[in-house]
Amino acid sequence: MKIALFPGSFDPITIAHVDILKRALPLFDKIVVGIGLNSSKQGFLSAEKREEIVRTVCAGIPSVEVRLYEGLTVDFCRTINAAYMVRGIRSVGDFEYERAIAQINQTMMPEMETIFILSKPEYSAISSTIVRDILRNNGDVSKFLPPEAIARL
């Protein structure tokens, strides 16, 4: 069984995340959306709220599982038997950052491959960071978030 991890903070999950996930589905038997928790960072949404929203967004996709995790992503890959990691790339800057992480992950877990999926042009400017700023200032995020996420905010 080909299992992939799609890791992220998903704080909040955006339409760009959902697009990457849906485009990755045909490549794998199962994709685990791993909501990474970093104890040194204060999230905008609680871990429980992020998990609730991601579960709601992914509810109709049988080959997707949603899990919270802490610690090294490669250790979580081992826990869930994932041999692949899916990452979205929006820009050259994303590529450079993700390439470095993928190479380190490959050194730590040689049997794991990182699969980069390029963002569609219309989604390349969307990031959770920008969406959080809009939310903090009571702006309209309806063009950037899945409807299921908006209903849960």
N, C-alpha and C. Protein backbone atom coordinates (compact mmCIF):
# COMPACT_ATOMS: atom_id res chain seq x y z
N MET A 1 0.84 -1.18 0.00
CA MET A 1 0.00 0.00 0.00
C MET A 1 0.89 1.24 0.00
N LYS A 2 0.62 2.16 -0.91
CA LYS A 2 1.38 3.41 -0.98
C LYS A 2 0.71 4.45 -0.08
N ILE A 3 1.42 4.78 1.01
CA ILE A 3 0.91 5.74 1.98
C ILE A 3 1.77 6.99 1.94
N ALA A 4 1.10 8.14 1.87
CA ALA A 4 1.81 9.43 1.86
C ALA A 4 1.34 10.27 3.04
N LEU A 5 2.24 11.08 3.52
CA LEU A 5 1.92 12.08 4.54
C LEU A 5 1.88 13.44 3.86
N PHE A 6 0.82 14.20 4.11
CA PHE A 6 0.72 15.59 3.68
C PHE A 6 0.78 16.41 4.98
N PRO A 7 2.00 16.84 5.37
CA PRO A 7 2.14 17.53 6.65
C PRO A 7 1.97 19.03 6.52
N GLY A 8 1.57 19.65 7.61
CA GLY A 8 1.47 21.10 7.66
C GLY A 8 0.87 21.54 8.98
N SER A 9 0.86 22.84 9.19
CA SER A 9 0.20 23.36 10.39
C SER A 9 -1.29 23.54 10.14
N PHE A 10 -1.66 23.78 8.89
CA PHE A 10 -3.06 23.94 8.49
C PHE A 10 -3.78 24.89 9.45
N ASP A 11 -3.18 26.07 9.61
CA ASP A 11 -3.63 27.06 10.60
C ASP A 11 -4.03 28.36 9.93
N PRO A 12 -5.09 28.39 9.13
CA PRO A 12 -6.06 27.35 8.81
C PRO A 12 -5.75 26.67 7.48
N ILE A 13 -6.48 25.59 7.19
CA ILE A 13 -6.37 24.93 5.88
C ILE A 13 -6.98 25.87 4.84
N THR A 14 -6.33 25.97 3.69
CA THR A 14 -6.78 26.88 2.63
C THR A 14 -7.24 26.08 1.40
N ILE A 15 -7.82 26.79 0.44
CA ILE A 15 -8.21 26.13 -0.81
C ILE A 15 -6.97 25.64 -1.57
N ALA A 16 -5.83 26.28 -1.35
CA ALA A 16 -4.59 25.83 -1.98
C ALA A 16 -4.15 24.49 -1.41
N HIS A 17 -4.26 24.30 -0.09
CA HIS A 17 -3.96 23.01 0.52
C HIS A 17 -4.86 21.92 -0.05
N VAL A 18 -6.15 22.22 -0.12
CA VAL A 18 -7.13 21.23 -0.60
C VAL A 18 -6.83 20.87 -2.05
N ASP A 19 -6.44 21.83 -2.85
CA ASP A 19 -6.10 21.55 -4.24
C ASP A 19 -4.90 20.60 -4.33
N ILE A 20 -3.86 20.85 -3.57
CA ILE A 20 -2.69 19.96 -3.57
C ILE A 20 -3.11 18.55 -3.13
N LEU A 21 -3.90 18.47 -2.06
CA LEU A 21 -4.36 17.17 -1.56
C LEU A 21 -5.14 16.42 -2.63
N LYS A 22 -6.09 17.06 -3.26
CA LYS A 22 -6.91 16.39 -4.27
C LYS A 22 -6.09 15.96 -5.48
N ARG A 23 -5.11 16.75 -5.84
CA ARG A 23 -4.26 16.39 -6.98
C ARG A 23 -3.31 15.25 -6.64
N ALA A 24 -3.01 15.06 -5.35
CA ALA A 24 -2.14 13.97 -4.92
C ALA A 24 -2.89 12.65 -4.76
N LEU A 25 -4.19 12.70 -4.59
CA LEU A 25 -4.98 11.50 -4.32
C LEU A 25 -4.75 10.35 -5.31
N PRO A 26 -4.72 10.59 -6.63
CA PRO A 26 -4.54 9.46 -7.55
C PRO A 26 -3.17 8.77 -7.45
N LEU A 27 -2.22 9.41 -6.80
CA LEU A 27 -0.86 8.87 -6.72
C LEU A 27 -0.68 7.85 -5.61
N PHE A 28 -1.59 7.85 -4.63
CA PHE A 28 -1.39 7.04 -3.43
C PHE A 28 -2.66 6.29 -3.06
N ASP A 29 -2.48 5.21 -2.31
CA ASP A 29 -3.63 4.46 -1.80
C ASP A 29 -4.26 5.17 -0.62
N LYS A 30 -3.42 5.86 0.15
CA LYS A 30 -3.89 6.56 1.34
C LYS A 30 -3.01 7.78 1.57
N ILE A 31 -3.64 8.89 1.95
CA ILE A 31 -2.90 10.09 2.33
C ILE A 31 -3.32 10.46 3.76
N VAL A 32 -2.34 10.62 4.61
CA VAL A 32 -2.58 11.09 5.97
C VAL A 32 -2.27 12.58 5.99
N VAL A 33 -3.28 13.37 6.30
CA VAL A 33 -3.07 14.81 6.49
C VAL A 33 -2.59 14.94 7.93
N GLY A 34 -1.31 15.26 8.09
CA GLY A 34 -0.70 15.35 9.41
C GLY A 34 -0.63 16.79 9.86
N ILE A 35 -1.35 17.09 10.91
CA ILE A 35 -1.35 18.44 11.47
C ILE A 35 -0.24 18.50 12.51
N GLY A 36 0.85 19.14 12.11
CA GLY A 36 2.03 19.21 12.98
C GLY A 36 1.86 20.22 14.09
N LEU A 37 2.22 19.80 15.28
CA LEU A 37 2.14 20.68 16.45
C LEU A 37 3.54 21.05 16.88
N ASN A 38 3.77 22.32 17.02
CA ASN A 38 5.07 22.83 17.43
C ASN A 38 4.88 23.54 18.76
N SER A 39 5.41 22.95 19.83
CA SER A 39 5.19 23.51 21.17
C SER A 39 5.82 24.89 21.35
N SER A 40 6.77 25.25 20.50
CA SER A 40 7.40 26.57 20.64
C SER A 40 6.65 27.66 19.87
N LYS A 41 5.60 27.27 19.13
CA LYS A 41 4.81 28.25 18.38
C LYS A 41 3.39 28.31 18.94
N GLN A 42 2.88 29.49 19.02
CA GLN A 42 1.48 29.67 19.41
C GLN A 42 0.65 29.73 18.14
N GLY A 43 -0.21 28.76 17.94
CA GLY A 43 -1.05 28.73 16.76
C GLY A 43 -2.17 29.75 16.84
N PHE A 44 -2.69 30.14 15.69
CA PHE A 44 -3.84 31.03 15.64
C PHE A 44 -5.08 30.27 16.11
N LEU A 45 -5.25 29.07 15.56
CA LEU A 45 -6.34 28.18 15.97
C LEU A 45 -5.76 27.09 16.87
N SER A 46 -6.55 26.62 17.79
CA SER A 46 -6.08 25.52 18.64
C SER A 46 -5.89 24.27 17.79
N ALA A 47 -5.09 23.34 18.30
CA ALA A 47 -4.87 22.07 17.60
C ALA A 47 -6.19 21.36 17.37
N GLU A 48 -7.04 21.38 18.37
CA GLU A 48 -8.34 20.70 18.28
C GLU A 48 -9.22 21.34 17.20
N LYS A 49 -9.20 22.66 17.12
CA LYS A 49 -10.01 23.37 16.11
C LYS A 49 -9.48 23.08 14.72
N ARG A 50 -8.14 23.09 14.56
CA ARG A 50 -7.56 22.77 13.25
C ARG A 50 -7.93 21.35 12.83
N GLU A 51 -7.84 20.42 13.78
CA GLU A 51 -8.19 19.03 13.46
C GLU A 51 -9.66 18.93 13.07
N GLU A 52 -10.53 19.59 13.81
CA GLU A 52 -11.97 19.58 13.50
C GLU A 52 -12.23 20.12 12.09
N ILE A 53 -11.59 21.23 11.76
CA ILE A 53 -11.80 21.84 10.45
C ILE A 53 -11.26 20.93 9.34
N VAL A 54 -10.06 20.41 9.50
CA VAL A 54 -9.47 19.55 8.46
C VAL A 54 -10.30 18.29 8.29
N ARG A 55 -10.76 17.70 9.39
CA ARG A 55 -11.63 16.52 9.30
C ARG A 55 -12.91 16.83 8.53
N THR A 56 -13.50 17.98 8.79
CA THR A 56 -14.73 18.39 8.11
C THR A 56 -14.47 18.58 6.61
N VAL A 57 -13.36 19.24 6.28
CA VAL A 57 -13.02 19.48 4.87
C VAL A 57 -12.76 18.17 4.14
N CYS A 58 -12.15 17.20 4.82
CA CYS A 58 -11.77 15.92 4.19
C CYS A 58 -12.82 14.82 4.37
N ALA A 59 -13.95 15.14 4.96
CA ALA A 59 -14.94 14.13 5.35
C ALA A 59 -15.39 13.24 4.19
N GLY A 60 -15.51 13.75 3.01
CA GLY A 60 -16.01 12.96 1.89
C GLY A 60 -14.95 12.23 1.09
N ILE A 61 -13.73 12.20 1.59
CA ILE A 61 -12.63 11.58 0.84
C ILE A 61 -12.18 10.33 1.59
N PRO A 62 -12.61 9.14 1.14
CA PRO A 62 -12.35 7.92 1.90
C PRO A 62 -10.87 7.54 2.05
N SER A 63 -10.03 7.93 1.14
CA SER A 63 -8.61 7.54 1.21
C SER A 63 -7.77 8.52 2.02
N VAL A 64 -8.42 9.46 2.72
CA VAL A 64 -7.70 10.46 3.52
C VAL A 64 -7.99 10.24 5.00
N GLU A 65 -6.93 10.30 5.78
CA GLU A 65 -7.02 10.20 7.24
C GLU A 65 -6.41 11.48 7.80
N VAL A 66 -6.94 11.99 8.89
CA VAL A 66 -6.43 13.21 9.51
C VAL A 66 -5.89 12.86 10.89
N ARG A 67 -4.64 13.30 11.16
CA ARG A 67 -4.02 13.00 12.45
C ARG A 67 -3.21 14.20 12.93
N LEU A 68 -3.18 14.39 14.24
CA LEU A 68 -2.28 15.36 14.87
C LEU A 68 -0.98 14.64 15.18
N TYR A 69 0.14 15.37 15.11
CA TYR A 69 1.41 14.76 15.51
C TYR A 69 2.35 15.83 16.06
N GLU A 70 3.27 15.36 16.90
CA GLU A 70 4.34 16.21 17.43
C GLU A 70 5.67 15.54 17.13
N GLY A 71 6.71 16.32 17.14
CA GLY A 71 8.04 15.76 16.93
C GLY A 71 8.46 15.80 15.47
N LEU A 72 9.47 15.00 15.16
CA LEU A 72 10.02 14.99 13.81
C LEU A 72 9.02 14.37 12.83
N THR A 73 8.89 15.01 11.69
CA THR A 73 7.97 14.52 10.68
C THR A 73 8.38 13.14 10.17
N VAL A 74 9.68 12.88 10.05
CA VAL A 74 10.12 11.56 9.59
C VAL A 74 9.75 10.48 10.61
N ASP A 75 9.77 10.82 11.89
CA ASP A 75 9.35 9.84 12.90
C ASP A 75 7.86 9.53 12.76
N PHE A 76 7.08 10.57 12.46
CA PHE A 76 5.65 10.34 12.24
C PHE A 76 5.43 9.50 10.98
N CYS A 77 6.24 9.74 9.95
CA CYS A 77 6.15 8.91 8.73
C CYS A 77 6.36 7.44 9.08
N ARG A 78 7.34 7.16 9.92
CA ARG A 78 7.59 5.78 10.34
C ARG A 78 6.39 5.22 11.10
N THR A 79 5.80 6.02 11.98
CA THR A 79 4.66 5.59 12.78
C THR A 79 3.48 5.17 11.90
N ILE A 80 3.25 5.91 10.83
CA ILE A 80 2.09 5.63 9.96
C ILE A 80 2.47 4.81 8.73
N ASN A 81 3.74 4.37 8.66
CA ASN A 81 4.24 3.58 7.52
C ASN A 81 4.15 4.33 6.19
N ALA A 82 4.39 5.63 6.23
CA ALA A 82 4.38 6.44 5.00
C ALA A 82 5.77 6.42 4.37
N ALA A 83 5.82 6.07 3.11
CA ALA A 83 7.08 6.09 2.36
C ALA A 83 7.20 7.34 1.51
N TYR A 84 6.15 8.19 1.54
CA TYR A 84 6.12 9.40 0.72
C TYR A 84 5.62 10.57 1.55
N MET A 85 6.11 11.74 1.19
CA MET A 85 5.65 12.97 1.78
C MET A 85 5.27 13.90 0.64
N VAL A 86 4.09 14.51 0.73
CA VAL A 86 3.59 15.43 -0.29
C VAL A 86 3.77 16.85 0.22
N ARG A 87 4.35 17.69 -0.62
CA ARG A 87 4.52 19.10 -0.28
C ARG A 87 4.11 19.96 -1.47
N GLY A 88 3.42 21.06 -1.18
CA GLY A 88 3.03 22.00 -2.21
C GLY A 88 4.10 23.07 -2.38
N ILE A 89 4.30 23.46 -3.62
CA ILE A 89 5.30 24.50 -3.94
C ILE A 89 4.58 25.65 -4.65
N ARG A 90 4.68 26.86 -4.07
CA ARG A 90 4.07 28.04 -4.67
C ARG A 90 5.06 28.91 -5.43
N SER A 91 6.32 28.86 -5.00
CA SER A 91 7.30 29.81 -5.54
C SER A 91 8.70 29.21 -5.47
N VAL A 92 9.65 29.94 -6.05
CA VAL A 92 11.05 29.53 -5.97
C VAL A 92 11.50 29.50 -4.51
N GLY A 93 11.05 30.46 -3.73
CA GLY A 93 11.40 30.49 -2.30
C GLY A 93 10.90 29.24 -1.58
N ASP A 94 9.66 28.84 -1.87
CA ASP A 94 9.13 27.60 -1.30
C ASP A 94 10.00 26.42 -1.71
N PHE A 95 10.37 26.39 -3.00
CA PHE A 95 11.17 25.26 -3.49
C PHE A 95 12.48 25.16 -2.73
N GLU A 96 13.19 26.27 -2.58
CA GLU A 96 14.48 26.24 -1.88
C GLU A 96 14.32 25.76 -0.45
N TYR A 97 13.31 26.25 0.24
CA TYR A 97 13.05 25.85 1.62
C TYR A 97 12.69 24.36 1.69
N GLU A 98 11.76 23.95 0.84
CA GLU A 98 11.28 22.56 0.86
C GLU A 98 12.37 21.58 0.39
N ARG A 99 13.20 22.01 -0.56
CA ARG A 99 14.29 21.15 -1.03
C ARG A 99 15.24 20.83 0.10
N ALA A 100 15.61 21.85 0.87
CA ALA A 100 16.54 21.64 1.99
C ALA A 100 15.94 20.67 3.02
N ILE A 101 14.67 20.86 3.35
CA ILE A 101 14.01 19.97 4.31
C ILE A 101 13.93 18.55 3.75
N ALA A 102 13.58 18.42 2.47
CA ALA A 102 13.47 17.10 1.85
C ALA A 102 14.82 16.37 1.87
N GLN A 103 15.89 17.10 1.62
CA GLN A 103 17.21 16.47 1.62
C GLN A 103 17.61 16.02 3.03
N ILE A 104 17.30 16.80 4.03
CA ILE A 104 17.57 16.41 5.42
C ILE A 104 16.71 15.20 5.78
N ASN A 105 15.43 15.26 5.43
CA ASN A 105 14.53 14.13 5.70
C ASN A 105 15.03 12.86 5.03
N GLN A 106 15.52 12.99 3.80
CA GLN A 106 16.03 11.83 3.06
C GLN A 106 17.26 11.23 3.76
N THR A 107 18.07 12.09 4.32
CA THR A 107 19.24 11.61 5.07
C THR A 107 18.80 10.86 6.33
N MET A 108 17.78 11.39 7.00
CA MET A 108 17.30 10.77 8.23
C MET A 108 16.44 9.53 7.97
N MET A 109 15.76 9.50 6.81
CA MET A 109 14.89 8.37 6.46
C MET A 109 15.04 8.09 4.97
N PRO A 110 16.09 7.37 4.58
CA PRO A 110 16.40 7.17 3.16
C PRO A 110 15.29 6.51 2.34
N GLU A 111 14.43 5.73 2.99
CA GLU A 111 13.36 5.05 2.26
C GLU A 111 12.16 5.95 1.96
N MET A 112 12.18 7.20 2.43
CA MET A 112 11.08 8.12 2.21
C MET A 112 11.40 9.09 1.07
N GLU A 113 10.43 9.28 0.20
CA GLU A 113 10.58 10.23 -0.92
C GLU A 113 9.61 11.40 -0.72
N THR A 114 10.09 12.59 -1.03
CA THR A 114 9.23 13.77 -1.00
C THR A 114 8.75 14.05 -2.41
N ILE A 115 7.45 14.24 -2.56
CA ILE A 115 6.83 14.53 -3.84
C ILE A 115 6.37 15.99 -3.80
N PHE A 116 6.91 16.80 -4.70
CA PHE A 116 6.51 18.20 -4.78
C PHE A 116 5.42 18.35 -5.83
N ILE A 117 4.35 19.05 -5.46
CA ILE A 117 3.28 19.36 -6.41
C ILE A 117 3.19 20.88 -6.50
N LEU A 118 3.32 21.36 -7.73
CA LEU A 118 3.29 22.81 -7.95
C LEU A 118 1.88 23.35 -7.78
N SER A 119 1.79 24.45 -7.09
CA SER A 119 0.53 25.14 -6.91
C SER A 119 0.01 25.63 -8.26
N LYS A 120 -1.30 25.60 -8.41
CA LYS A 120 -1.89 26.22 -9.59
C LYS A 120 -1.66 27.73 -9.48
N PRO A 121 -1.45 28.41 -10.61
CA PRO A 121 -1.16 29.85 -10.55
C PRO A 121 -2.17 30.66 -9.74
N GLU A 122 -3.43 30.31 -9.85
CA GLU A 122 -4.45 31.08 -9.14
C GLU A 122 -4.40 30.91 -7.62
N TYR A 123 -3.63 29.91 -7.14
CA TYR A 123 -3.50 29.68 -5.70
C TYR A 123 -2.13 30.06 -5.16
N SER A 124 -1.23 30.49 -6.01
CA SER A 124 0.16 30.68 -5.58
C SER A 124 0.35 31.80 -4.55
N ALA A 125 -0.57 32.73 -4.46
CA ALA A 125 -0.43 33.81 -3.48
C ALA A 125 -1.10 33.49 -2.15
N ILE A 126 -1.84 32.39 -2.10
CA ILE A 126 -2.60 32.05 -0.89
C ILE A 126 -1.69 31.32 0.10
N SER A 127 -1.64 31.84 1.32
CA SER A 127 -0.90 31.17 2.39
C SER A 127 -1.70 31.30 3.67
N SER A 128 -1.49 30.35 4.58
CA SER A 128 -2.16 30.42 5.88
C SER A 128 -1.78 31.69 6.62
N THR A 129 -0.53 32.13 6.46
CA THR A 129 -0.06 33.34 7.13
C THR A 129 -0.89 34.55 6.70
N ILE A 130 -1.10 34.70 5.39
CA ILE A 130 -1.90 35.83 4.89
C ILE A 130 -3.34 35.72 5.34
N VAL A 131 -3.88 34.50 5.29
CA VAL A 131 -5.27 34.29 5.72
C VAL A 131 -5.42 34.62 7.20
N ARG A 132 -4.45 34.23 8.03
CA ARG A 132 -4.52 34.57 9.46
C ARG A 132 -4.53 36.08 9.66
N ASP A 133 -3.72 36.81 8.89
CA ASP A 133 -3.71 38.27 9.01
C ASP A 133 -5.06 38.87 8.64
N ILE A 134 -5.68 38.33 7.60
CA ILE A 134 -7.01 38.80 7.20
C ILE A 134 -8.02 38.51 8.31
N LEU A 135 -7.96 37.29 8.87
CA LEU A 135 -8.88 36.92 9.96
C LEU A 135 -8.68 37.82 11.18
N ARG A 136 -7.43 38.09 11.54
CA ARG A 136 -7.15 38.94 12.72
C ARG A 136 -7.74 40.34 12.56
N ASN A 137 -7.87 40.76 11.30
CA ASN A 137 -8.39 42.11 11.03
C ASN A 137 -9.83 42.09 10.54
N ASN A 138 -10.51 40.98 10.83
CA ASN A 138 -11.94 40.83 10.52
C ASN A 138 -12.26 40.99 9.05
N GLY A 139 -11.33 40.56 8.19
CA GLY A 139 -11.56 40.63 6.75
C GLY A 139 -12.28 39.40 6.23
N ASP A 140 -12.67 39.46 4.99
CA ASP A 140 -13.41 38.37 4.34
C ASP A 140 -12.42 37.37 3.75
N VAL A 141 -12.43 36.15 4.26
CA VAL A 141 -11.53 35.09 3.80
C VAL A 141 -12.23 34.07 2.92
N SER A 142 -13.45 34.35 2.52
CA SER A 142 -14.26 33.37 1.79
C SER A 142 -13.65 32.94 0.45
N LYS A 143 -12.81 33.76 -0.13
CA LYS A 143 -12.18 33.40 -1.40
C LYS A 143 -10.95 32.51 -1.21
N PHE A 144 -10.51 32.33 0.03
CA PHE A 144 -9.26 31.63 0.31
C PHE A 144 -9.42 30.32 1.09
N LEU A 145 -10.58 30.14 1.70
CA LEU A 145 -10.81 28.95 2.53
C LEU A 145 -11.93 28.10 1.96
N PRO A 146 -11.86 26.77 2.18
CA PRO A 146 -12.98 25.93 1.77
C PRO A 146 -14.23 26.32 2.57
N PRO A 147 -15.40 26.21 1.97
CA PRO A 147 -16.64 26.60 2.68
C PRO A 147 -16.80 25.88 4.03
N GLU A 148 -16.37 24.60 4.07
CA GLU A 148 -16.48 23.83 5.31
C GLU A 148 -15.64 24.44 6.42
N ALA A 149 -14.51 25.05 6.06
CA ALA A 149 -13.64 25.69 7.04
C ALA A 149 -14.27 26.98 7.55
N ILE A 150 -14.82 27.76 6.65
CA ILE A 150 -15.45 29.04 7.03
C ILE A 150 -16.57 28.81 8.02
N ALA A 151 -17.35 27.77 7.79
CA ALA A 151 -18.48 27.46 8.67
C ALA A 151 -18.02 27.11 10.09
N ARG A 152 -16.77 26.68 10.25
CA ARG A 152 -16.26 26.23 11.56
C ARG A 152 -15.45 27.31 12.28
N LEU A 153 -15.20 28.44 11.62
CA LEU A 153 -14.39 29.50 12.26
C LEU A 153 -15.24 30.36 13.18
